[in-house]
Amino acid sequence: MVTRYVGLALFVTACALLVAWPGRAIRLRVRSTAIFVVIASIPSALWVVRNSLASGTLTGDNRLIHELRGAAVVNGLQRILRWIVPARPPGLLHDVVFVIAVAALAVLVVGLVWLLVRDGSLRRFIPSAIVPVCLGYVVVHFTFIVVANAFSTRAPPFNHRILGPAFAPLVIAVVVTGDAIWRGARDRIPVRVAVGVAGASLLALSVLSATEAMPTIFGAPAGSAAEYRVYDRTLEPLVPPEARLYATRPNVGWFLLRRPVWDLPRSCLGGRVLPNPSYRSELDALGEQLGDEPRAVIVFRRSKECEPFSIPGLKRALRLERVGSGPPGEVWVLAGPADRGEPAPS
């Protein structure tokens, strides 16, 4: 999914840069942009045609429902800001470094304003063209995620994984800008000191944040190989070998059991908890389709936000009985078919 958004954001960014190419005639800009659009659109056009033939949609389920929330956009902007000024880990050292960084940035701004007033220009501090290119990509990528949430059939979350492709261009733009100011301030020692101190302080803040976060991220049992080994040992004896497997998280079930696992009808649509009005009928249709074929459903209690599966509903529609559970409170295994004349025991 991330690759798709990166490619489209790069496409839009490249078109914008070609159109805004300084020093070229408008006719040449239009021609260059048209040639690029034709060549770059060929792979995407083939992909869209393939999707249309295979699924009847261009990029995904056209029944998905989304809504864009201002709080999500603000949260995304805060995540990007944290790439430059990391979140605060506890400790006096972080506070001291943060104050030094703020003071250095304030001195830098005051120095640049003073030079602008004195010289009437900051031309010598102008960075290379790589800065507007990188910043252009950052803006386009973030805007594209906003638009995708508002209008497309996908709702990419504003998290580090989706926003991550903008990280390297943003860092490059910041570093190259700092280097341009350093080079332009050859005869202004206070400005150079402010640039150096600000850069070193921001780097120190990143190191402090990383040393705080890394043990929490990589030392936590959730999602680790040890946790999956526990699931594997617990689930395999509970799942009938001849049963057709379904799961609330089929990719995880497939990984654990090393056999095909099918997805269940979605109880909600889109990236939010929005009820799917046809969920019950789709579930009933699946039960009729399976008939008396052996089936098993693995219910992961920590499923995604948009999958509030109903255990009683699954048992009723698919004629399932609870046969066991994995780690306490984490995974349930339901199997069937139960007798039609008797309700599945709770």
Protein backbone atom coordinates (compact mmCIF):
# COMPACT_ATOMS: atom_id res chain seq x y z
CA MET A 1 0.00 0.00 0.00
CA VAL A 2 2.83 2.42 0.86
CA THR A 3 4.44 1.83 -2.55
CA ARG A 4 1.24 2.92 -4.30
CA TYR A 5 1.07 6.21 -2.40
CA VAL A 6 4.79 6.91 -2.90
CA GLY A 7 4.48 6.36 -6.65
CA LEU A 8 1.46 8.63 -7.05
CA ALA A 9 2.99 11.36 -4.87
CA LEU A 10 6.21 11.19 -6.89
CA PHE A 11 4.19 11.45 -10.10
CA VAL A 12 2.34 14.58 -8.95
CA THR A 13 5.52 16.14 -7.54
CA ALA A 14 7.42 15.56 -10.78
CA CYS A 15 4.60 17.12 -12.83
CA ALA A 16 4.54 20.17 -10.57
CA LEU A 17 8.32 20.61 -10.78
CA LEU A 18 8.31 20.30 -14.57
CA VAL A 19 5.54 22.88 -14.87
CA ALA A 20 7.37 25.25 -12.49
CA TRP A 21 10.81 24.74 -14.12
CA PRO A 22 12.42 28.20 -13.87
CA GLY A 23 14.21 29.67 -16.84
CA ARG A 24 12.35 27.62 -19.46
CA ALA A 25 9.71 28.76 -21.91
CA ILE A 26 6.14 27.80 -21.07
CA ARG A 27 5.89 25.80 -24.31
CA LEU A 28 8.89 23.69 -23.34
CA ARG A 29 7.52 23.16 -19.83
CA VAL A 30 4.18 21.93 -21.17
CA ARG A 31 5.86 19.62 -23.67
CA SER A 32 8.20 18.13 -21.05
CA THR A 33 5.31 17.61 -18.63
CA ALA A 34 3.16 15.94 -21.30
CA ILE A 35 5.96 13.56 -22.31
CA PHE A 36 6.57 12.64 -18.66
CA VAL A 37 2.85 12.08 -18.00
CA VAL A 38 2.48 9.74 -20.97
CA ILE A 39 5.54 7.65 -20.12
CA ALA A 40 4.95 7.54 -16.35
CA SER A 41 1.25 6.70 -16.72
CA ILE A 42 1.79 3.50 -18.69
CA PRO A 43 2.57 1.21 -15.69
CA SER A 44 -0.32 2.68 -13.65
CA ALA A 45 -2.69 2.35 -16.60
CA LEU A 46 -1.81 -1.33 -17.00
CA TRP A 47 -2.33 -1.86 -13.26
CA VAL A 48 -5.73 -0.13 -13.32
CA VAL A 49 -6.87 -2.16 -16.36
CA ARG A 50 -5.81 -5.37 -14.66
CA ASN A 51 -7.75 -4.40 -11.50
CA SER A 52 -10.84 -3.58 -13.55
CA LEU A 53 -10.76 -6.92 -15.34
CA ALA A 54 -10.04 -8.94 -12.19
CA SER A 55 -12.32 -7.25 -9.66
CA GLY A 56 -14.52 -4.74 -11.46
CA THR A 57 -12.94 -1.83 -9.55
CA LEU A 58 -10.02 0.42 -10.41
CA THR A 59 -8.13 0.51 -7.10
CA GLY A 60 -10.20 -1.35 -4.52
CA ASP A 61 -13.61 -2.02 -3.04
CA ASN A 62 -15.79 0.82 -4.32
CA ARG A 63 -18.28 0.27 -1.49
CA LEU A 64 -15.87 1.41 1.22
CA ILE A 65 -16.96 4.45 3.20
CA HIS A 66 -14.58 7.02 4.63
CA GLU A 67 -14.64 10.27 6.48
CA LEU A 68 -11.82 12.77 6.92
CA ARG A 69 -11.42 14.18 10.40
CA GLY A 70 -9.54 17.35 11.24
CA ALA A 71 -8.07 15.71 14.33
CA ALA A 72 -6.46 13.01 12.15
CA VAL A 73 -4.84 15.65 9.92
CA VAL A 74 -3.50 17.55 12.94
CA ASN A 75 -2.17 14.29 14.38
CA GLY A 76 -0.38 13.60 11.10
CA LEU A 77 1.25 17.04 11.13
CA GLN A 78 2.35 16.47 14.72
CA ARG A 79 3.98 13.18 13.72
CA ILE A 80 5.96 14.92 11.00
CA LEU A 81 7.02 17.64 13.46
CA ARG A 82 8.25 14.92 15.82
CA TRP A 83 10.69 13.76 13.13
CA ILE A 84 12.52 17.06 13.56
CA VAL A 85 11.78 17.70 17.25
CA PRO A 86 11.30 14.24 18.82
CA ALA A 87 8.86 13.52 21.63
CA ARG A 88 10.09 14.20 25.12
CA PRO A 89 11.57 11.26 27.04
CA PRO A 90 11.64 11.76 30.80
CA GLY A 91 14.75 13.34 32.28
CA LEU A 92 16.51 16.61 32.95
CA LEU A 93 19.00 16.05 30.14
CA HIS A 94 16.28 16.24 27.49
CA ASP A 95 14.93 19.49 28.97
CA VAL A 96 18.38 21.09 28.96
CA VAL A 97 19.09 20.05 25.36
CA PHE A 98 15.65 21.25 24.26
CA VAL A 99 16.20 24.69 25.82
CA ILE A 100 19.60 24.93 24.11
CA ALA A 101 18.02 24.01 20.74
CA VAL A 102 15.26 26.61 21.14
CA ALA A 103 17.76 29.29 22.15
CA ALA A 104 20.06 28.47 19.21
CA LEU A 105 17.15 28.58 16.74
CA ALA A 106 16.03 31.93 18.20
CA VAL A 107 19.55 33.37 17.82
CA LEU A 108 19.67 32.02 14.25
CA VAL A 109 16.36 33.66 13.30
CA VAL A 110 17.38 36.98 14.87
CA GLY A 111 20.72 36.86 13.06
CA LEU A 112 19.12 36.18 9.68
CA VAL A 113 16.58 38.97 10.18
CA TRP A 114 19.37 41.37 11.11
CA LEU A 115 21.35 40.43 7.99
CA LEU A 116 18.22 40.87 5.86
CA VAL A 117 17.66 44.35 7.27
CA ARG A 118 21.31 45.30 6.86
CA ASP A 119 21.98 43.86 3.41
CA GLY A 120 18.44 43.92 2.01
CA SER A 121 18.83 40.33 0.77
CA LEU A 122 19.57 36.80 1.92
CA ARG A 123 20.64 35.61 -1.51
CA ARG A 124 23.89 34.10 -0.25
CA PHE A 125 21.91 31.83 2.08
CA ILE A 126 19.68 30.38 -0.65
CA PRO A 127 20.07 26.56 -0.66
CA SER A 128 20.37 24.35 -3.71
CA ALA A 129 17.39 23.25 -5.80
CA ILE A 130 17.22 19.95 -3.92
CA VAL A 131 15.47 21.75 -1.02
CA PRO A 132 12.30 22.85 -2.89
CA VAL A 133 12.24 19.47 -4.65
CA CYS A 134 12.29 17.57 -1.35
CA LEU A 135 9.86 19.94 0.38
CA GLY A 136 7.57 19.72 -2.65
CA TYR A 137 7.45 15.94 -2.29
CA VAL A 138 6.72 16.20 1.45
CA VAL A 139 3.80 18.57 0.84
CA VAL A 140 2.40 16.52 -2.05
CA HIS A 141 2.70 13.22 -0.16
CA PHE A 142 0.90 14.56 2.91
CA THR A 143 -1.76 16.26 0.77
CA PHE A 144 -2.28 13.02 -1.14
CA ILE A 145 -2.91 11.11 2.11
CA VAL A 146 -5.46 13.75 3.11
CA VAL A 147 -7.20 13.50 -0.27
CA ALA A 148 -7.16 9.68 -0.11
CA ASN A 149 -8.94 9.80 3.24
CA ALA A 150 -11.51 12.27 1.98
CA PHE A 151 -12.41 10.95 -1.47
CA SER A 152 -10.82 7.60 -2.37
CA THR A 153 -11.86 4.03 -1.61
CA ARG A 154 -8.95 3.72 0.82
CA ALA A 155 -8.39 5.39 4.19
CA PRO A 156 -4.62 5.31 4.87
CA PRO A 157 -3.97 6.21 8.52
CA PHE A 158 -1.76 9.18 9.43
CA ASN A 159 0.89 6.98 11.04
CA HIS A 160 4.64 6.66 10.66
CA ARG A 161 4.35 3.83 8.13
CA ILE A 162 2.18 5.77 5.70
CA LEU A 163 3.87 9.14 6.25
CA GLY A 164 7.35 7.58 6.43
CA PRO A 165 8.28 8.10 2.74
CA ALA A 166 8.36 11.86 3.44
CA PHE A 167 10.94 11.43 6.23
CA ALA A 168 14.12 11.24 4.13
CA PRO A 169 13.21 14.19 1.83
CA LEU A 170 12.33 16.31 4.87
CA VAL A 171 15.61 15.53 6.62
CA ILE A 172 17.55 16.22 3.40
CA ALA A 173 15.82 19.59 3.04
CA VAL A 174 16.59 20.57 6.65
CA VAL A 175 20.24 19.48 6.47
CA VAL A 176 20.90 21.13 3.10
CA THR A 177 19.26 24.36 4.31
CA GLY A 178 21.45 24.34 7.42
CA ASP A 179 24.52 23.76 5.26
CA ALA A 180 23.56 26.69 2.99
CA ILE A 181 23.23 29.00 6.00
CA TRP A 182 26.58 27.78 7.36
CA ARG A 183 28.34 28.45 4.06
CA GLY A 184 26.68 31.84 3.62
CA ALA A 185 27.70 33.00 7.10
CA ARG A 186 31.43 32.82 6.51
CA ASP A 187 32.01 36.23 8.13
CA ARG A 188 29.28 35.92 10.75
CA ILE A 189 30.54 33.72 13.57
CA PRO A 190 27.39 34.04 15.79
CA VAL A 191 25.20 32.75 12.92
CA ARG A 192 27.53 29.80 12.34
CA VAL A 193 27.58 29.00 16.05
CA ALA A 194 23.77 29.12 16.16
CA VAL A 195 23.52 26.78 13.17
CA GLY A 196 25.99 24.32 14.68
CA VAL A 197 24.42 24.35 18.14
CA ALA A 198 20.87 24.00 16.75
CA GLY A 199 21.87 21.07 14.52
CA ALA A 200 23.79 19.31 17.31
CA SER A 201 20.93 19.84 19.77
CA LEU A 202 18.28 18.44 17.39
CA LEU A 203 20.51 15.44 16.71
CA ALA A 204 20.98 14.93 20.46
CA LEU A 205 17.21 15.08 20.98
CA SER A 206 16.77 12.37 18.35
CA VAL A 207 19.38 10.18 20.04
CA LEU A 208 17.75 10.63 23.45
CA SER A 209 14.32 9.81 22.04
CA ALA A 210 15.67 6.73 20.25
CA THR A 211 17.43 5.38 23.33
CA GLU A 212 14.16 5.72 25.22
CA ALA A 213 11.95 4.20 22.52
CA MET A 214 14.07 1.34 21.16
CA PRO A 215 13.94 -0.90 24.26
CA THR A 216 10.17 -0.38 24.47
CA ILE A 217 9.60 -1.20 20.81
CA PHE A 218 11.99 -4.11 20.37
CA GLY A 219 11.80 -5.43 23.93
CA ALA A 220 8.00 -5.72 24.01
CA PRO A 221 6.58 -9.24 23.57
CA ALA A 222 3.70 -8.07 21.33
CA GLY A 223 4.38 -9.07 17.74
CA SER A 224 7.62 -10.83 18.61
CA ALA A 225 8.71 -14.24 17.36
CA ALA A 226 8.28 -15.61 20.90
CA GLU A 227 4.64 -14.50 20.99
CA TYR A 228 3.90 -16.07 17.60
CA ARG A 229 5.55 -19.34 18.68
CA VAL A 230 3.11 -19.46 21.62
CA TYR A 231 0.18 -18.91 19.24
CA ASP A 232 1.52 -21.55 16.86
CA ARG A 233 1.89 -24.25 19.52
CA THR A 234 -1.56 -23.48 20.94
CA LEU A 235 -3.59 -23.16 17.75
CA GLU A 236 -2.34 -26.04 15.63
CA PRO A 237 -3.86 -28.84 17.78
CA LEU A 238 -7.21 -27.00 17.92
CA VAL A 239 -7.75 -26.57 14.20
CA PRO A 240 -9.20 -29.59 12.34
CA PRO A 241 -6.80 -30.49 9.51
CA GLU A 242 -9.64 -31.00 6.98
CA ALA A 243 -11.49 -27.77 7.82
CA ARG A 244 -11.70 -24.75 5.55
CA LEU A 245 -10.06 -21.99 7.57
CA TYR A 246 -11.35 -18.46 8.12
CA ALA A 247 -9.96 -15.81 10.47
CA THR A 248 -10.56 -12.26 11.62
CA ARG A 249 -6.94 -11.66 10.60
CA PRO A 250 -6.30 -14.14 7.79
CA ASN A 251 -2.74 -13.01 7.11
CA VAL A 252 -1.74 -13.79 10.70
CA GLY A 253 -3.59 -17.12 10.62
CA TRP A 254 -1.85 -18.10 7.38
CA PHE A 255 1.53 -17.20 8.88
CA LEU A 256 0.93 -19.19 12.06
CA LEU A 257 -0.58 -22.34 10.54
CA ARG A 258 1.22 -22.32 7.16
CA ARG A 259 -1.97 -23.13 5.26
CA PRO A 260 -4.52 -21.04 3.32
CA VAL A 261 -6.83 -18.93 5.48
CA TRP A 262 -9.81 -17.06 3.99
CA ASP A 263 -11.18 -13.69 5.03
CA LEU A 264 -14.62 -13.31 6.61
CA PRO A 265 -17.25 -10.83 5.44
CA ARG A 266 -16.36 -7.41 6.78
CA SER A 267 -18.53 -6.24 9.63
CA CYS A 268 -17.61 -2.63 8.87
CA LEU A 269 -16.43 -0.58 5.94
CA GLY A 270 -13.50 1.74 5.43
CA GLY A 271 -10.89 2.78 7.94
CA ARG A 272 -13.39 3.73 10.63
CA VAL A 273 -15.97 1.76 12.62
CA LEU A 274 -18.80 2.23 10.13
CA PRO A 275 -21.32 -0.64 10.07
CA ASN A 276 -21.60 -2.69 6.91
CA PRO A 277 -25.37 -2.86 6.22
CA SER A 278 -25.01 -6.13 4.29
CA TYR A 279 -22.77 -7.86 6.84
CA ARG A 280 -25.43 -10.22 8.21
CA SER A 281 -26.67 -11.22 4.76
CA GLU A 282 -23.09 -11.81 3.57
CA LEU A 283 -22.39 -13.95 6.62
CA ASP A 284 -25.60 -15.94 6.11
CA ALA A 285 -24.70 -16.42 2.43
CA LEU A 286 -21.29 -17.76 3.44
CA GLY A 287 -22.97 -20.22 5.81
CA GLU A 288 -25.26 -21.45 3.02
CA GLN A 289 -22.33 -21.74 0.64
CA LEU A 290 -20.34 -23.88 3.08
CA GLY A 291 -23.27 -26.22 3.68
CA ASP A 292 -21.94 -29.19 5.66
CA GLU A 293 -18.32 -28.64 4.68
CA PRO A 294 -16.04 -28.65 7.74
CA ARG A 295 -15.00 -25.12 8.67
CA ALA A 296 -13.06 -23.41 11.44
CA VAL A 297 -12.81 -19.74 12.39
CA ILE A 298 -9.90 -18.23 14.30
CA VAL A 299 -10.96 -15.11 16.18
CA PHE A 300 -8.13 -12.83 17.24
CA ARG A 301 -9.37 -10.68 20.06
CA ARG A 302 -6.94 -7.89 19.19
CA SER A 303 -8.25 -7.49 15.65
CA LYS A 304 -8.08 -4.23 13.74
CA GLU A 305 -10.23 -1.32 14.85
CA CYS A 306 -12.68 -1.75 11.99
CA GLU A 307 -13.43 -5.43 12.63
CA PRO A 308 -15.72 -5.73 15.69
CA PHE A 309 -16.73 -9.33 14.92
CA SER A 310 -19.64 -10.76 16.88
CA ILE A 311 -18.85 -14.19 18.29
CA PRO A 312 -22.56 -15.13 18.70
CA GLY A 313 -23.22 -13.95 15.15
CA LEU A 314 -20.41 -16.08 13.73
CA LYS A 315 -21.58 -19.13 15.67
CA ARG A 316 -25.17 -18.70 14.52
CA ALA A 317 -24.54 -18.02 10.83
CA LEU A 318 -21.71 -20.52 10.29
CA ARG A 319 -22.98 -23.17 12.75
CA LEU A 320 -19.87 -23.13 14.88
CA GLU A 321 -18.94 -24.41 18.29
CA ARG A 322 -16.16 -23.11 20.45
CA VAL A 323 -13.46 -25.77 20.62
CA GLY A 324 -10.73 -23.95 22.50
CA SER A 325 -8.65 -20.85 22.93
CA GLY A 326 -5.05 -19.80 22.58
CA PRO A 327 -3.28 -17.56 25.08
CA PRO A 328 -5.95 -16.51 27.61
CA GLY A 329 -8.23 -13.86 26.20
CA GLU A 330 -6.27 -13.52 22.95
CA VAL A 331 -7.49 -16.14 20.44
CA TRP A 332 -10.61 -18.27 20.13
CA VAL A 333 -11.06 -21.22 17.77
CA LEU A 334 -14.57 -22.03 16.54
CA ALA A 335 -15.30 -25.09 14.42
CA GLY A 336 -18.29 -26.69 12.73
CA PRO A 337 -20.68 -27.46 11.31
CA ALA A 338 -22.87 -27.95 14.35
CA ASP A 339 -26.17 -29.81 13.98
CA ARG A 340 -28.85 -27.67 12.33
CA GLY A 341 -31.48 -28.76 14.80
CA GLU A 342 -29.58 -27.61 17.85
CA PRO A 343 -28.21 -24.13 18.55
CA ALA A 344 -24.49 -23.94 18.86
CA PRO A 345 -23.53 -23.99 22.56
CA SER A 346 -22.22 -20.68 23.93
